[in-house]
Protein backbone atom coordinates (compact mmCIF):
# COMPACT_ATOMS: atom_id res chain seq x y z
CA MET A 1 0.00 0.00 0.00
CA LEU A 2 1.34 3.44 -0.90
CA VAL A 3 1.79 6.01 1.84
CA VAL A 4 0.23 9.38 1.08
CA ALA A 5 2.69 12.21 1.69
CA GLY A 6 1.84 14.90 4.21
CA GLU A 7 3.57 18.15 5.18
CA ALA A 8 6.98 19.10 3.77
CA VAL A 9 7.00 16.33 1.16
CA GLY A 10 9.31 18.18 -1.24
CA LYS A 11 11.89 16.05 -3.00
CA ASP A 12 10.95 12.95 -1.03
CA SER A 13 7.62 12.54 -2.82
CA THR A 14 6.28 11.51 -6.20
CA VAL A 15 3.07 12.60 -7.93
CA ASP A 16 0.68 9.93 -9.16
CA THR A 17 -1.34 10.31 -12.37
CA ASP A 18 -4.34 11.58 -10.40
CA GLY A 19 -2.24 14.39 -8.90
CA THR A 20 -1.86 12.77 -5.48
CA GLU A 21 1.60 13.00 -3.90
CA TYR A 22 3.09 9.84 -2.45
CA LEU A 23 6.07 9.36 -0.17
CA SER A 24 8.80 7.52 -2.05
CA ASN A 25 12.51 6.66 -2.08
CA ILE A 26 12.27 4.96 1.32
CA LEU A 27 15.27 3.09 2.76
CA GLY A 28 13.73 1.81 5.98
CA VAL A 29 10.61 1.72 8.11
CA THR A 30 9.88 1.06 11.80
CA ALA A 31 6.87 1.43 14.07
CA GLY A 32 6.13 1.96 17.77
CA GLY A 33 3.03 1.93 19.92
CA ASN A 34 0.87 4.18 17.73
CA GLN A 35 3.38 5.78 15.38
CA THR A 36 5.46 4.97 12.31
CA LEU A 37 8.80 6.26 11.00
CA VAL A 38 10.53 6.01 7.64
CA ILE A 39 14.03 7.01 6.49
CA THR A 40 14.33 8.38 2.95
CA ASN A 41 17.19 7.83 0.52
CA ASN A 42 18.61 11.24 1.42
CA TYR A 43 18.69 10.13 5.08
CA GLU A 44 15.90 12.35 6.37
CA VAL A 45 13.06 11.13 8.57
CA TYR A 46 9.27 11.23 8.32
CA THR A 47 6.83 10.18 11.05
CA TRP A 48 3.08 9.93 11.48
CA GLY A 49 0.48 8.62 13.93
CA GLY A 50 0.08 9.26 17.66
CA ASP A 51 1.96 12.20 19.15
CA GLU A 52 0.68 12.46 22.70
CA LYS A 53 4.24 12.41 24.07
CA GLY A 54 5.93 14.29 21.24
CA GLN A 55 7.21 11.04 19.72
CA LEU A 56 6.81 12.31 16.16
CA GLY A 57 9.60 14.84 16.68
CA VAL A 58 7.83 17.85 15.19
CA ASP A 59 7.61 20.00 18.35
CA SER A 60 3.96 19.23 19.05
CA LYS A 61 1.61 16.78 20.70
CA ILE A 62 -0.79 16.62 17.79
CA ASP A 63 -1.61 13.30 16.11
CA ARG A 64 -0.69 13.31 12.42
CA PHE A 65 -2.62 11.35 9.82
CA ALA A 66 -0.01 11.75 7.07
CA PRO A 67 3.83 11.84 7.11
CA VAL A 68 5.60 14.90 8.54
CA LYS A 69 9.33 15.56 8.36
CA VAL A 70 11.15 15.41 11.72
CA TRP A 71 12.75 18.64 12.92
CA LYS A 72 16.33 18.81 14.07
CA GLY A 73 15.43 20.75 17.23
CA ASP A 74 17.45 23.52 18.85
CA THR A 75 20.40 21.38 19.95
CA PHE A 76 21.85 20.50 16.55
CA ASN A 77 24.81 22.46 15.24
CA GLN A 78 24.22 22.07 11.50
CA ASP A 79 23.12 24.31 8.63
CA GLU A 80 19.95 26.40 8.49
CA ASP A 81 17.79 23.55 7.19
CA PRO A 82 15.33 22.95 10.06
CA TYR A 83 15.01 19.20 9.45
CA LEU A 84 16.89 16.22 10.88
CA LYS A 85 19.56 14.87 8.52
CA ASN A 86 22.11 12.08 8.05
CA VAL A 87 19.99 9.42 9.78
CA ILE A 88 21.08 5.82 9.09
CA GLY A 89 19.01 3.88 11.61
CA ALA A 90 16.00 4.23 13.90
CA ALA A 91 13.94 2.38 16.49
CA MET A 92 10.64 3.17 18.21
CA GLY A 93 9.26 2.26 21.62
CA ALA A 94 5.73 2.73 22.93
CA ASN A 95 5.81 6.54 22.85
CA HIS A 96 9.39 7.50 22.00
CA THR A 97 11.90 7.34 19.16
CA VAL A 98 15.67 6.92 18.87
CA ILE A 99 17.85 7.38 15.79
CA ILE A 100 21.51 7.01 14.92
CA ARG A 101 23.24 9.46 12.60
CA ASP A 102 26.13 8.69 10.27
CA ASP A 103 28.60 10.09 12.81
CA GLY A 104 27.60 7.37 15.30
CA TYR A 105 25.79 9.66 17.73
CA VAL A 106 22.35 8.71 19.02
CA TRP A 107 19.42 11.12 19.37
CA ALA A 108 15.96 10.58 20.84
CA TRP A 109 12.62 12.24 21.45
CA GLY A 110 9.19 11.56 22.95
CA ASP A 111 8.18 10.09 26.32
CA ASN A 112 10.88 9.95 28.99
CA THR A 113 9.03 8.95 32.16
CA SER A 114 11.27 5.86 32.49
CA GLY A 115 14.44 7.54 31.30
CA GLN A 116 14.13 5.89 27.89
CA LEU A 117 15.63 8.91 26.12
CA GLY A 118 18.89 8.33 27.95
CA THR A 119 19.39 11.98 28.84
CA VAL A 120 19.73 11.50 32.63
CA THR A 121 16.53 13.56 33.18
CA VAL A 122 12.90 12.39 32.90
CA ASP A 123 11.73 15.35 30.82
CA LEU A 124 9.99 14.45 27.56
CA ALA A 125 11.32 15.96 24.33
CA LYS A 126 9.22 17.00 21.33
CA THR A 127 12.29 17.40 19.09
CA PRO A 128 15.56 15.41 19.01
CA VAL A 129 17.88 15.55 22.03
CA GLN A 130 21.25 13.89 22.28
CA VAL A 131 21.42 10.58 24.13
CA GLY A 132 24.11 10.39 26.79
CA ASN A 133 24.73 14.11 27.26
CA THR A 134 27.77 13.45 29.42
CA ASN A 135 31.37 13.75 28.28
CA SER A 136 33.94 10.97 28.25
CA ASN A 137 37.71 11.21 28.18
CA THR A 138 39.52 8.12 26.92
CA LEU A 139 42.84 6.91 25.55
CA SER A 140 43.14 5.19 22.16
CA PHE A 141 46.06 3.19 20.86
CA GLN A 142 47.07 4.20 17.35
CA LYS A 143 49.98 1.84 16.78
CA ALA A 144 50.83 -1.65 18.00
CA ILE A 145 52.51 -4.81 16.79
CA VAL A 146 50.45 -7.95 17.33
CA TYR A 147 52.12 -11.35 17.38
CA THR A 148 49.24 -13.81 17.17
CA ASP A 149 51.40 -16.82 18.09
CA GLU A 150 55.01 -17.96 18.38
CA ASN A 151 55.36 -18.29 14.60
CA SER A 152 54.10 -14.77 13.88
CA THR A 153 56.54 -12.14 12.59
CA GLY A 154 54.24 -9.42 13.92
CA ASP A 155 51.54 -7.35 12.25
CA THR A 156 51.55 -3.59 12.71
CA ILE A 157 47.98 -2.57 13.58
CA SER A 158 46.84 1.05 13.37
CA PRO A 159 44.72 1.77 15.25
CA LEU A 160 44.63 -1.09 17.72
CA PRO A 161 41.02 -2.28 18.17
CA SER A 162 39.48 -2.49 21.61
CA SER A 163 39.39 -6.29 21.45
CA VAL A 164 42.33 -8.47 20.40
CA VAL A 165 42.63 -12.26 20.23
CA ILE A 166 46.04 -13.94 20.47
CA ASP A 167 47.38 -17.40 21.14
CA LYS A 168 49.00 -18.28 24.47
CA THR A 169 52.37 -17.95 22.68
CA GLY A 170 51.58 -14.54 21.19
CA LYS A 171 52.02 -11.01 22.53
CA ILE A 172 51.10 -7.37 21.87
CA GLU A 173 53.59 -4.51 21.77
CA ILE A 174 51.92 -1.09 22.13
CA ASP A 175 53.73 2.08 21.06
CA MET A 176 53.00 4.42 23.96
CA SER A 177 54.23 7.44 21.99
CA GLU A 178 51.25 6.81 19.66
CA ILE A 179 48.58 6.90 22.35
CA TYR A 180 45.89 9.50 21.68
CA GLU A 181 43.57 11.30 24.07
CA GLN A 182 39.95 11.20 22.90
CA TYR A 183 37.19 13.55 23.96
CA MET A 184 33.63 12.45 23.25
CA VAL A 185 30.38 14.30 23.89
CA GLY A 186 27.38 12.01 24.23
CA PHE A 187 26.80 8.33 23.45
CA ASN A 188 28.43 7.18 20.20
CA LEU A 189 27.94 3.71 18.71
CA PHE A 190 31.03 4.05 16.51
CA ASN A 191 33.23 5.35 19.35
CA LYS A 192 34.13 8.39 17.24
CA ALA A 193 35.73 11.28 19.10
CA ASP A 194 37.98 14.28 18.78
CA LYS A 195 41.53 13.24 19.56
CA GLN A 196 45.07 14.45 19.92
CA LYS A 197 48.37 12.68 20.50
CA ILE A 198 49.47 12.31 24.10
CA ALA A 199 52.18 14.74 25.18
CA SER A 200 55.62 13.11 25.31
CA GLU A 201 56.05 14.12 28.95
CA ASP A 202 52.81 12.27 29.79
CA ILE A 203 54.16 8.86 28.75
CA ALA A 204 55.80 8.56 32.17
CA ASN A 205 52.40 9.27 33.77
CA ILE A 206 50.73 6.26 32.16
CA GLN A 207 49.73 3.60 34.66
CA TYR A 208 48.80 0.13 33.40
CA SER A 209 47.27 -3.03 34.81
CA SER A 210 45.65 -6.34 33.87
CA SER A 211 42.29 -7.28 35.38
CA ILE A 212 43.26 -10.98 35.40
CA PRO A 213 47.06 -11.26 35.57
CA ASN A 214 46.79 -15.06 35.42
CA ILE A 215 45.71 -14.68 31.79
CA ALA A 216 48.13 -11.95 30.68
CA THR A 217 50.35 -9.31 32.23
CA VAL A 218 51.39 -5.86 30.99
CA SER A 219 54.76 -4.17 31.47
CA ALA A 220 56.59 -1.23 29.92
CA ASN A 221 60.14 -0.63 28.69
CA GLY A 222 60.74 2.85 27.36
CA ASN A 223 57.93 3.74 24.95
CA THR A 224 56.77 0.15 24.51
CA ALA A 225 54.13 -1.56 26.64
CA THR A 226 54.02 -5.34 26.21
CA VAL A 227 51.00 -7.54 26.89
CA MET A 228 52.23 -11.08 27.50
CA PRO A 229 50.07 -14.18 28.13
CA THR A 230 51.10 -16.40 31.03
CA GLY A 231 50.30 -19.49 28.99
CA ASN A 232 48.58 -21.08 31.95
CA THR A 233 45.08 -19.58 31.86
CA PHE A 234 42.82 -18.88 28.88
CA GLY A 235 40.07 -16.29 28.61
CA THR A 236 39.75 -12.51 28.44
CA THR A 237 41.51 -9.93 30.56
CA VAL A 238 41.04 -6.16 30.43
CA ILE A 239 44.29 -4.24 30.00
CA THR A 240 43.84 -0.72 31.39
CA PHE A 241 45.99 2.35 30.75
CA ARG A 242 45.45 5.53 32.75
CA ASN A 243 47.05 8.94 32.50
CA SER A 244 47.51 9.84 36.16
CA ARG A 245 47.77 13.53 35.32
CA ASN A 246 44.33 14.05 33.74
CA GLY A 247 42.46 10.80 34.39
CA TYR A 248 42.05 9.72 30.75
CA VAL A 249 41.58 5.92 30.61
CA GLY A 250 41.88 3.41 27.80
CA THR A 251 41.16 -0.33 27.83
CA ILE A 252 41.90 -3.29 25.58
CA ASN A 253 40.08 -6.61 25.91
CA VAL A 254 42.75 -9.24 25.31
CA THR A 255 41.52 -12.78 24.76
CA VAL A 256 44.11 -15.53 25.09
CA LYS A 257 42.92 -18.66 23.33
CA GLY A 258 43.94 -22.26 23.29
CA ASP A 259 41.79 -23.24 20.31
CA LYS A 260 40.94 -21.42 17.10
CA MET A 261 38.09 -18.97 17.52
CA GLU A 262 36.49 -16.16 15.55
CA SER A 263 34.23 -13.27 16.46
CA ILE A 264 31.99 -10.97 14.44
CA VAL A 265 31.05 -7.56 15.84
CA ALA A 266 28.69 -4.95 14.36
CA SER A 267 27.08 -1.77 15.64
CA SER A 268 23.31 -1.77 16.12
CA LEU A 269 20.50 -0.15 18.05
CA THR A 270 17.13 -1.56 19.11
CA ALA A 271 14.17 -0.51 21.23
CA GLY A 272 11.77 -2.17 23.64
CA THR A 273 8.55 -0.68 24.99
CA ASN A 274 10.31 1.89 27.17
CA PHE A 275 13.96 0.89 27.02
CA HIS A 276 16.86 0.50 24.60
CA ALA A 277 19.82 -1.74 23.91
CA ALA A 278 22.82 -0.72 21.80
CA LEU A 279 25.74 -2.73 20.45
CA LYS A 280 28.89 -0.62 20.04
CA ALA A 281 31.58 -1.23 17.45
CA ASP A 282 33.84 -2.57 20.20
CA GLY A 283 31.41 -5.42 20.93
CA THR A 284 30.07 -4.02 24.21
CA VAL A 285 26.32 -3.91 24.95
CA TRP A 286 24.70 -0.88 26.63
CA THR A 287 21.12 -0.48 27.90
CA TRP A 288 18.98 2.29 29.38
CA GLY A 289 15.37 3.16 30.23
CA ASP A 290 12.61 1.25 32.04
CA ASN A 291 13.78 -1.71 34.13
CA THR A 292 10.56 -2.84 35.80
CA TYR A 293 11.12 -6.45 34.69
CA GLY A 294 14.91 -6.41 34.73
CA GLN A 295 15.06 -5.85 30.98
CA LEU A 296 18.24 -3.78 31.25
CA GLY A 297 20.15 -6.87 32.37
CA ASP A 298 22.01 -5.08 35.18
CA GLY A 299 20.92 -7.45 37.94
CA THR A 300 18.42 -4.94 39.37
CA LYS A 301 14.99 -3.45 38.67
CA ILE A 302 16.28 0.11 38.87
CA THR A 303 15.18 2.32 35.98
CA ARG A 304 18.13 4.14 34.43
CA GLY A 305 18.13 7.38 32.44
CA TYR A 306 21.73 6.84 31.39
CA GLN A 307 23.67 4.22 29.45
CA PHE A 308 24.80 1.12 31.37
CA ARG A 309 27.35 -1.37 30.08
CA LEU A 310 26.25 -4.97 30.55
CA ASN A 311 28.42 -7.24 32.68
CA SER A 312 27.77 -10.98 32.37
CA LYS A 313 29.17 -11.60 35.85
CA ARG A 314 26.56 -9.53 37.70
CA LYS A 315 24.23 -11.25 40.14
CA ARG A 316 21.26 -12.81 38.40
């Protein structure tokens, strides 16, 4: 069935032979409690249906019976076009909406009584607001040599991913002079951030540790930090680097294997009735929103208006 275009159809519509305009060039569609959303081939967003909580994103609480283009709101720093752009994915809950833009940042609008917008507050939003409006300061590792096993001659990896798999006879050599400080505003599925190389005098301030030293240890000699498996225990340990001067922290999940294994990681975003789950590019899962039934997976029934990283070892 064709969808009849509503307000602001413009270039995202076609005209049928009877003169009726129809919404066209659609890349994706999703629906919530009483509302529907589509993404066009120029990565703009249309919604229609119930709007009692502002979930249509057009700065109103008026139900719409035909598609309307979602506004960008007052918080976007983009050109004078008033509409939301560069959207590559979306999900809808009962009365709220979340989208991901091509820069990896997540935005949301609509009902927020259970913190489902992920903005720390419980205020609803009738136009897009940024999810995770807190800042994060991290370290990234731009150059390392990875020896997957004892026969490896070493592969130079740039940048080093947040998860690395090596054999019990392998090792990782990290160039500490190529560590970067990253500053990120908000919640980003792609882990994109502004960054700058660490100051040379800060290399001496870097502290490092292994969460499970029985799996692998970390030590430094000059500008090189070496992650070395013990060969006795298999599994995953978190290698942490911290700049003691400014508190920037970086982590690498190092898995030491005994048998061949593979992993596939992708970024994605999904919505429940009043909560969300997101898979970051580094393979970590984050949830936020209503937790009445424990749907956030954090071992509690505490509703959270901020992003929480899942930990499989929490009490069930």
